[in-house]
Amino acid sequence: MTFFARIVRGGGGAVLRNNNFRVNNTFVTSVRHYAAETSASNNLKLSFALPHQTIYKSIEVQQVNISASSGDMGILANHVPSIEQLKPGIIEITENPNSTKKYFVSGGFAVMNNNSSLDINAVEAFPLNDFSIENIRTNLAEAQRIVASNMSEEEKNIARVEIDVYEALQSAIGKSS
């Protein structure tokens, strides 16, 4: 099922109330429908790209789990169309019952389309098993040291972003162990 808007004739003015809003003297009511469970023949088409590399190009998968700013979510075929900002975290791709791949992304966007296709554009993405927990802890401690030091505000702000990413990465690796 998909998101659709039903138009109901109404009076003037710009009003937003209970998922209703007025455009050019016409009330628009948004209605959401939720995805039904996917079947084996009804897979999600995934495109997952970085600025320098395409990881998946319209490949059928069963499910994709993302870490979005609105919360963690699992996406199946026929999912409600949406645009989600990705936060630093894991993208878990279930290709089939026997194959799951995990990537750590630093941020980006995921766009779920009404034709059961999902487009993920990330700034950076790396296979989760490429990371060393010891290196993450060392780099996290260094970034925390910079924030607590007498360095410039610019250097401290950069270190704060690094802390967010390292903490998310440390959490992701801890959950996958």
C-alpha atoms as a PDB file:
ATOM      1  CA  MET A   1       0.000   0.000   0.000  1.00  0.00           C
ATOM      2  CA  THR A   2       1.167   3.541  -0.538  1.00  0.00           C
ATOM      3  CA  PHE A   3       0.813   7.032   0.858  1.00  0.00           C
ATOM      4  CA  PHE A   4      -1.818   9.102  -0.927  1.00  0.00           C
ATOM      5  CA  ALA A   5      -3.599  12.403  -0.457  1.00  0.00           C
ATOM      6  CA  ARG A   6      -7.377  12.781  -0.594  1.00  0.00           C
ATOM      7  CA  ILE A   7      -8.672  16.221  -1.637  1.00  0.00           C
ATOM      8  CA  VAL A   8     -11.765  17.592   0.046  1.00  0.00           C
ATOM      9  CA  ARG A   9     -13.265  20.935  -1.009  1.00  0.00           C
ATOM     10  CA  GLY A  10     -13.173  23.614   1.688  1.00  0.00           C
ATOM     11  CA  GLY A  11     -12.844  27.320   2.561  1.00  0.00           C
ATOM     12  CA  GLY A  12      -9.838  29.716   2.316  1.00  0.00           C
ATOM     13  CA  GLY A  13      -6.694  30.297   4.395  1.00  0.00           C
ATOM     14  CA  ALA A  14      -3.645  28.237   5.283  1.00  0.00           C
ATOM     15  CA  VAL A  15      -4.440  25.800   8.085  1.00  0.00           C
ATOM     16  CA  LEU A  16      -2.587  22.761   9.432  1.00  0.00           C
ATOM     17  CA  ARG A  17      -4.553  20.641  11.904  1.00  0.00           C
ATOM     18  CA  ASN A  18      -4.656  16.866  12.542  1.00  0.00           C
ATOM     19  CA  ASN A  19      -2.970  15.884   9.236  1.00  0.00           C
ATOM     20  CA  ASN A  20      -5.285  18.280   7.359  1.00  0.00           C
ATOM     21  CA  PHE A  21      -4.044  21.356   5.590  1.00  0.00           C
ATOM     22  CA  ARG A  22      -5.540  23.861   3.223  1.00  0.00           C
ATOM     23  CA  VAL A  23      -4.037  24.727  -0.156  1.00  0.00           C
ATOM     24  CA  ASN A  24      -5.756  27.275  -2.413  1.00  0.00           C
ATOM     25  CA  ASN A  25      -9.096  26.900  -0.632  1.00  0.00           C
ATOM     26  CA  THR A  26      -8.889  23.091  -0.816  1.00  0.00           C
ATOM     27  CA  PHE A  27      -8.453  20.816   2.222  1.00  0.00           C
ATOM     28  CA  VAL A  28      -5.839  18.088   1.765  1.00  0.00           C
ATOM     29  CA  THR A  29      -5.898  15.148   4.167  1.00  0.00           C
ATOM     30  CA  SER A  30      -2.919  12.834   4.273  1.00  0.00           C
ATOM     31  CA  VAL A  31      -3.609   9.172   4.869  1.00  0.00           C
ATOM     32  CA  ARG A  32      -0.935   6.584   5.604  1.00  0.00           C
ATOM     33  CA  HIS A  33      -1.079   2.907   4.863  1.00  0.00           C
ATOM     34  CA  TYR A  34       1.462   0.504   6.270  1.00  0.00           C
ATOM     35  CA  ALA A  35       3.394  -2.216   4.498  1.00  0.00           C
ATOM     36  CA  ALA A  36       2.218  -5.777   4.539  1.00  0.00           C
ATOM     37  CA  GLU A  37       4.794  -8.457   5.189  1.00  0.00           C
ATOM     38  CA  THR A  38       6.808  -9.184   2.095  1.00  0.00           C
ATOM     39  CA  SER A  39       6.734 -12.524   0.339  1.00  0.00           C
ATOM     40  CA  ALA A  40       9.707 -14.267  -1.273  1.00  0.00           C
ATOM     41  CA  SER A  41       8.652 -13.072  -4.735  1.00  0.00           C
ATOM     42  CA  ASN A  42       8.027  -9.508  -3.577  1.00  0.00           C
ATOM     43  CA  ASN A  43      11.510  -8.221  -2.743  1.00  0.00           C
ATOM     44  CA  LEU A  44      12.854  -4.759  -2.161  1.00  0.00           C
ATOM     45  CA  LYS A  45      15.071  -3.272  -4.899  1.00  0.00           C
ATOM     46  CA  LEU A  46      18.080  -1.644  -3.236  1.00  0.00           C
ATOM     47  CA  SER A  47      20.412   0.976  -4.659  1.00  0.00           C
ATOM     48  CA  PHE A  48      23.170   1.963  -2.216  1.00  0.00           C
ATOM     49  CA  ALA A  49      25.686   4.545  -3.418  1.00  0.00           C
ATOM     50  CA  LEU A  50      28.587   6.602  -2.142  1.00  0.00           C
ATOM     51  CA  PRO A  51      30.113   9.582  -3.970  1.00  0.00           C
ATOM     52  CA  HIS A  52      32.923   7.344  -5.280  1.00  0.00           C
ATOM     53  CA  GLN A  53      31.320   3.881  -5.401  1.00  0.00           C
ATOM     54  CA  THR A  54      28.070   2.014  -5.992  1.00  0.00           C
ATOM     55  CA  ILE A  55      27.641  -0.815  -3.493  1.00  0.00           C
ATOM     56  CA  TYR A  56      24.224  -2.061  -4.718  1.00  0.00           C
ATOM     57  CA  LYS A  57      22.568  -1.084  -7.989  1.00  0.00           C
ATOM     58  CA  SER A  58      18.890  -2.079  -8.124  1.00  0.00           C
ATOM     59  CA  ILE A  59      19.571  -5.445  -6.480  1.00  0.00           C
ATOM     60  CA  GLU A  60      16.690  -7.423  -4.951  1.00  0.00           C
ATOM     61  CA  VAL A  61      17.022  -7.919  -1.193  1.00  0.00           C
ATOM     62  CA  GLN A  62      14.600  -9.074   1.486  1.00  0.00           C
ATOM     63  CA  GLN A  63      15.046  -6.332   4.084  1.00  0.00           C
ATOM     64  CA  VAL A  64      17.165  -3.302   4.957  1.00  0.00           C
ATOM     65  CA  ASN A  65      17.544  -1.987   8.506  1.00  0.00           C
ATOM     66  CA  ILE A  66      18.672   1.627   8.834  1.00  0.00           C
ATOM     67  CA  SER A  67      19.596   4.002  11.619  1.00  0.00           C
ATOM     68  CA  ALA A  68      17.650   7.184  10.837  1.00  0.00           C
ATOM     69  CA  SER A  69      17.349  10.432  12.756  1.00  0.00           C
ATOM     70  CA  SER A  70      13.661   9.574  13.329  1.00  0.00           C
ATOM     71  CA  GLY A  71      14.660   6.182  14.793  1.00  0.00           C
ATOM     72  CA  ASP A  72      15.904   2.768  13.758  1.00  0.00           C
ATOM     73  CA  MET A  73      13.687   1.035  11.221  1.00  0.00           C
ATOM     74  CA  GLY A  74      13.394  -2.092   9.149  1.00  0.00           C
ATOM     75  CA  ILE A  75      12.306  -1.664   5.544  1.00  0.00           C
ATOM     76  CA  LEU A  76      10.580  -4.360   3.526  1.00  0.00           C
ATOM     77  CA  ALA A  77       8.992  -4.261   0.075  1.00  0.00           C
ATOM     78  CA  ASN A  78       5.819  -2.136   0.001  1.00  0.00           C
ATOM     79  CA  HIS A  79       7.050   0.042   2.870  1.00  0.00           C
ATOM     80  CA  VAL A  80       5.476   3.467   3.263  1.00  0.00           C
ATOM     81  CA  PRO A  81       7.277   5.934   0.959  1.00  0.00           C
ATOM     82  CA  SER A  82       9.489   8.246   2.972  1.00  0.00           C
ATOM     83  CA  ILE A  83      12.714  10.202   3.060  1.00  0.00           C
ATOM     84  CA  GLU A  84      14.923   9.545   6.065  1.00  0.00           C
ATOM     85  CA  GLN A  85      18.093  11.305   7.146  1.00  0.00           C
ATOM     86  CA  LEU A  86      20.639   8.710   8.206  1.00  0.00           C
ATOM     87  CA  LYS A  87      22.570   9.196  11.409  1.00  0.00           C
ATOM     88  CA  PRO A  88      25.912   7.536  12.102  1.00  0.00           C
ATOM     89  CA  GLY A  89      25.117   3.864  12.487  1.00  0.00           C
ATOM     90  CA  ILE A  90      24.540   0.511  10.864  1.00  0.00           C
ATOM     91  CA  ILE A  91      22.838  -0.349   7.624  1.00  0.00           C
ATOM     92  CA  GLU A  92      22.024  -4.045   7.735  1.00  0.00           C
ATOM     93  CA  ILE A  93      21.084  -5.661   4.436  1.00  0.00           C
ATOM     94  CA  THR A  94      19.382  -9.068   4.441  1.00  0.00           C
ATOM     95  CA  GLU A  95      19.951 -10.323   0.919  1.00  0.00           C
ATOM     96  CA  ASN A  96      18.371 -13.726   1.613  1.00  0.00           C
ATOM     97  CA  PRO A  97      17.804 -15.893   4.696  1.00  0.00           C
ATOM     98  CA  ASN A  98      21.449 -17.015   4.618  1.00  0.00           C
ATOM     99  CA  SER A  99      23.220 -13.750   3.780  1.00  0.00           C
ATOM    100  CA  THR A 100      23.313 -10.516   5.770  1.00  0.00           C
ATOM    101  CA  LYS A 101      25.778  -7.669   5.256  1.00  0.00           C
ATOM    102  CA  LYS A 102      26.409  -4.790   7.644  1.00  0.00           C
ATOM    103  CA  TYR A 103      27.869  -1.400   6.794  1.00  0.00           C
ATOM    104  CA  PHE A 104      28.683   1.510   9.063  1.00  0.00           C
ATOM    105  CA  VAL A 105      27.620   4.857   7.561  1.00  0.00           C
ATOM    106  CA  SER A 106      28.549   8.291   8.855  1.00  0.00           C
ATOM    107  CA  GLY A 107      25.374   9.871   7.475  1.00  0.00           C
ATOM    108  CA  GLY A 108      23.303  10.355   4.339  1.00  0.00           C
ATOM    109  CA  PHE A 109      19.737   9.829   3.166  1.00  0.00           C
ATOM    110  CA  ALA A 110      17.441   6.885   2.459  1.00  0.00           C
ATOM    111  CA  VAL A 111      14.513   7.339   0.070  1.00  0.00           C
ATOM    112  CA  MET A 112      11.805   4.688   0.027  1.00  0.00           C
ATOM    113  CA  ASN A 113       9.809   4.869  -3.194  1.00  0.00           C
ATOM    114  CA  ASN A 114       6.272   3.602  -3.770  1.00  0.00           C
ATOM    115  CA  ASN A 115       7.512   0.958  -6.247  1.00  0.00           C
ATOM    116  CA  SER A 116       9.321  -1.028  -3.507  1.00  0.00           C
ATOM    117  CA  SER A 117      12.691   0.466  -4.327  1.00  0.00           C
ATOM    118  CA  LEU A 118      15.014   1.945  -1.725  1.00  0.00           C
ATOM    119  CA  ASP A 119      17.761   4.430  -2.615  1.00  0.00           C
ATOM    120  CA  ILE A 120      20.470   5.001  -0.024  1.00  0.00           C
ATOM    121  CA  ASN A 121      23.017   7.766  -0.569  1.00  0.00           C
ATOM    122  CA  ALA A 122      25.728   7.910   2.069  1.00  0.00           C
ATOM    123  CA  VAL A 123      28.772  10.096   2.495  1.00  0.00           C
ATOM    124  CA  GLU A 124      30.879   7.163   3.700  1.00  0.00           C
ATOM    125  CA  ALA A 125      30.137   3.479   4.247  1.00  0.00           C
ATOM    126  CA  PHE A 126      32.425   0.672   5.287  1.00  0.00           C
ATOM    127  CA  PRO A 127      31.812  -3.008   6.007  1.00  0.00           C
ATOM    128  CA  LEU A 128      31.423  -3.345   9.766  1.00  0.00           C
ATOM    129  CA  ASN A 129      34.013  -6.109  10.000  1.00  0.00           C
ATOM    130  CA  ASP A 130      36.709  -3.689   8.681  1.00  0.00           C
ATOM    131  CA  PHE A 131      36.841  -1.925  12.085  1.00  0.00           C
ATOM    132  CA  SER A 132      38.984  -2.673  15.123  1.00  0.00           C
ATOM    133  CA  ILE A 133      37.379  -1.989  18.516  1.00  0.00           C
ATOM    134  CA  GLU A 134      40.813  -1.131  19.941  1.00  0.00           C
ATOM    135  CA  ASN A 135      41.397   1.574  17.300  1.00  0.00           C
ATOM    136  CA  ILE A 136      37.905   2.984  17.879  1.00  0.00           C
ATOM    137  CA  ARG A 137      38.533   3.258  21.638  1.00  0.00           C
ATOM    138  CA  THR A 138      41.927   4.917  21.069  1.00  0.00           C
ATOM    139  CA  ASN A 139      40.506   7.469  18.615  1.00  0.00           C
ATOM    140  CA  LEU A 140      37.484   8.141  20.850  1.00  0.00           C
ATOM    141  CA  ALA A 141      39.779   8.851  23.821  1.00  0.00           C
ATOM    142  CA  GLU A 142      41.861  11.219  21.677  1.00  0.00           C
ATOM    143  CA  ALA A 143      38.763  13.136  20.502  1.00  0.00           C
ATOM    144  CA  GLN A 144      37.535  13.383  24.104  1.00  0.00           C
ATOM    145  CA  ARG A 145      40.968  14.701  25.155  1.00  0.00           C
ATOM    146  CA  ILE A 146      40.772  17.418  22.479  1.00  0.00           C
ATOM    147  CA  VAL A 147      37.310  18.541  23.662  1.00  0.00           C
ATOM    148  CA  ALA A 148      38.613  18.829  27.251  1.00  0.00           C
ATOM    149  CA  SER A 149      41.801  20.675  26.197  1.00  0.00           C
ATOM    150  CA  ASN A 150      42.628  24.335  25.545  1.00  0.00           C
ATOM    151  CA  MET A 151      42.458  23.881  21.763  1.00  0.00           C
ATOM    152  CA  SER A 152      40.501  26.232  19.505  1.00  0.00           C
ATOM    153  CA  GLU A 153      36.711  26.018  19.322  1.00  0.00           C
ATOM    154  CA  GLU A 154      36.984  24.857  15.710  1.00  0.00           C
ATOM    155  CA  GLU A 155      39.188  21.911  16.721  1.00  0.00           C
ATOM    156  CA  LYS A 156      36.831  21.104  19.624  1.00  0.00           C
ATOM    157  CA  ASN A 157      33.804  21.135  17.298  1.00  0.00           C
ATOM    158  CA  ILE A 158      35.522  18.746  14.903  1.00  0.00           C
ATOM    159  CA  ALA A 159      36.371  16.492  17.848  1.00  0.00           C
ATOM    160  CA  ARG A 160      32.715  16.568  19.020  1.00  0.00           C
ATOM    161  CA  VAL A 161      31.594  15.252  15.632  1.00  0.00           C
ATOM    162  CA  GLU A 162      34.284  12.567  15.832  1.00  0.00           C
ATOM    163  CA  ILE A 163      33.025  11.587  19.294  1.00  0.00           C
ATOM    164  CA  ASP A 164      29.486  11.143  17.945  1.00  0.00           C
ATOM    165  CA  VAL A 165      30.735   8.912  15.133  1.00  0.00           C
ATOM    166  CA  TYR A 166      33.121   6.875  17.314  1.00  0.00           C
ATOM    167  CA  GLU A 167      30.447   6.333  19.978  1.00  0.00           C
ATOM    168  CA  ALA A 168      27.955   5.174  17.322  1.00  0.00           C
ATOM    169  CA  LEU A 169      30.583   2.898  15.790  1.00  0.00           C
ATOM    170  CA  GLN A 170      31.552   1.486  19.193  1.00  0.00           C
ATOM    171  CA  SER A 171      27.885   0.828  19.965  1.00  0.00           C
ATOM    172  CA  ALA A 172      27.340  -0.795  16.552  1.00  0.00           C
ATOM    173  CA  ILE A 173      30.271  -3.139  16.943  1.00  0.00           C
ATOM    174  CA  GLY A 174      29.171  -4.006  20.482  1.00  0.00           C
ATOM    175  CA  LYS A 175      25.687  -4.938  19.226  1.00  0.00           C
ATOM    176  CA  SER A 176      27.010  -7.082  16.394  1.00  0.00           C
ATOM    177  CA  SER A 177      29.421  -9.088  18.561  1.00  0.00           C
END
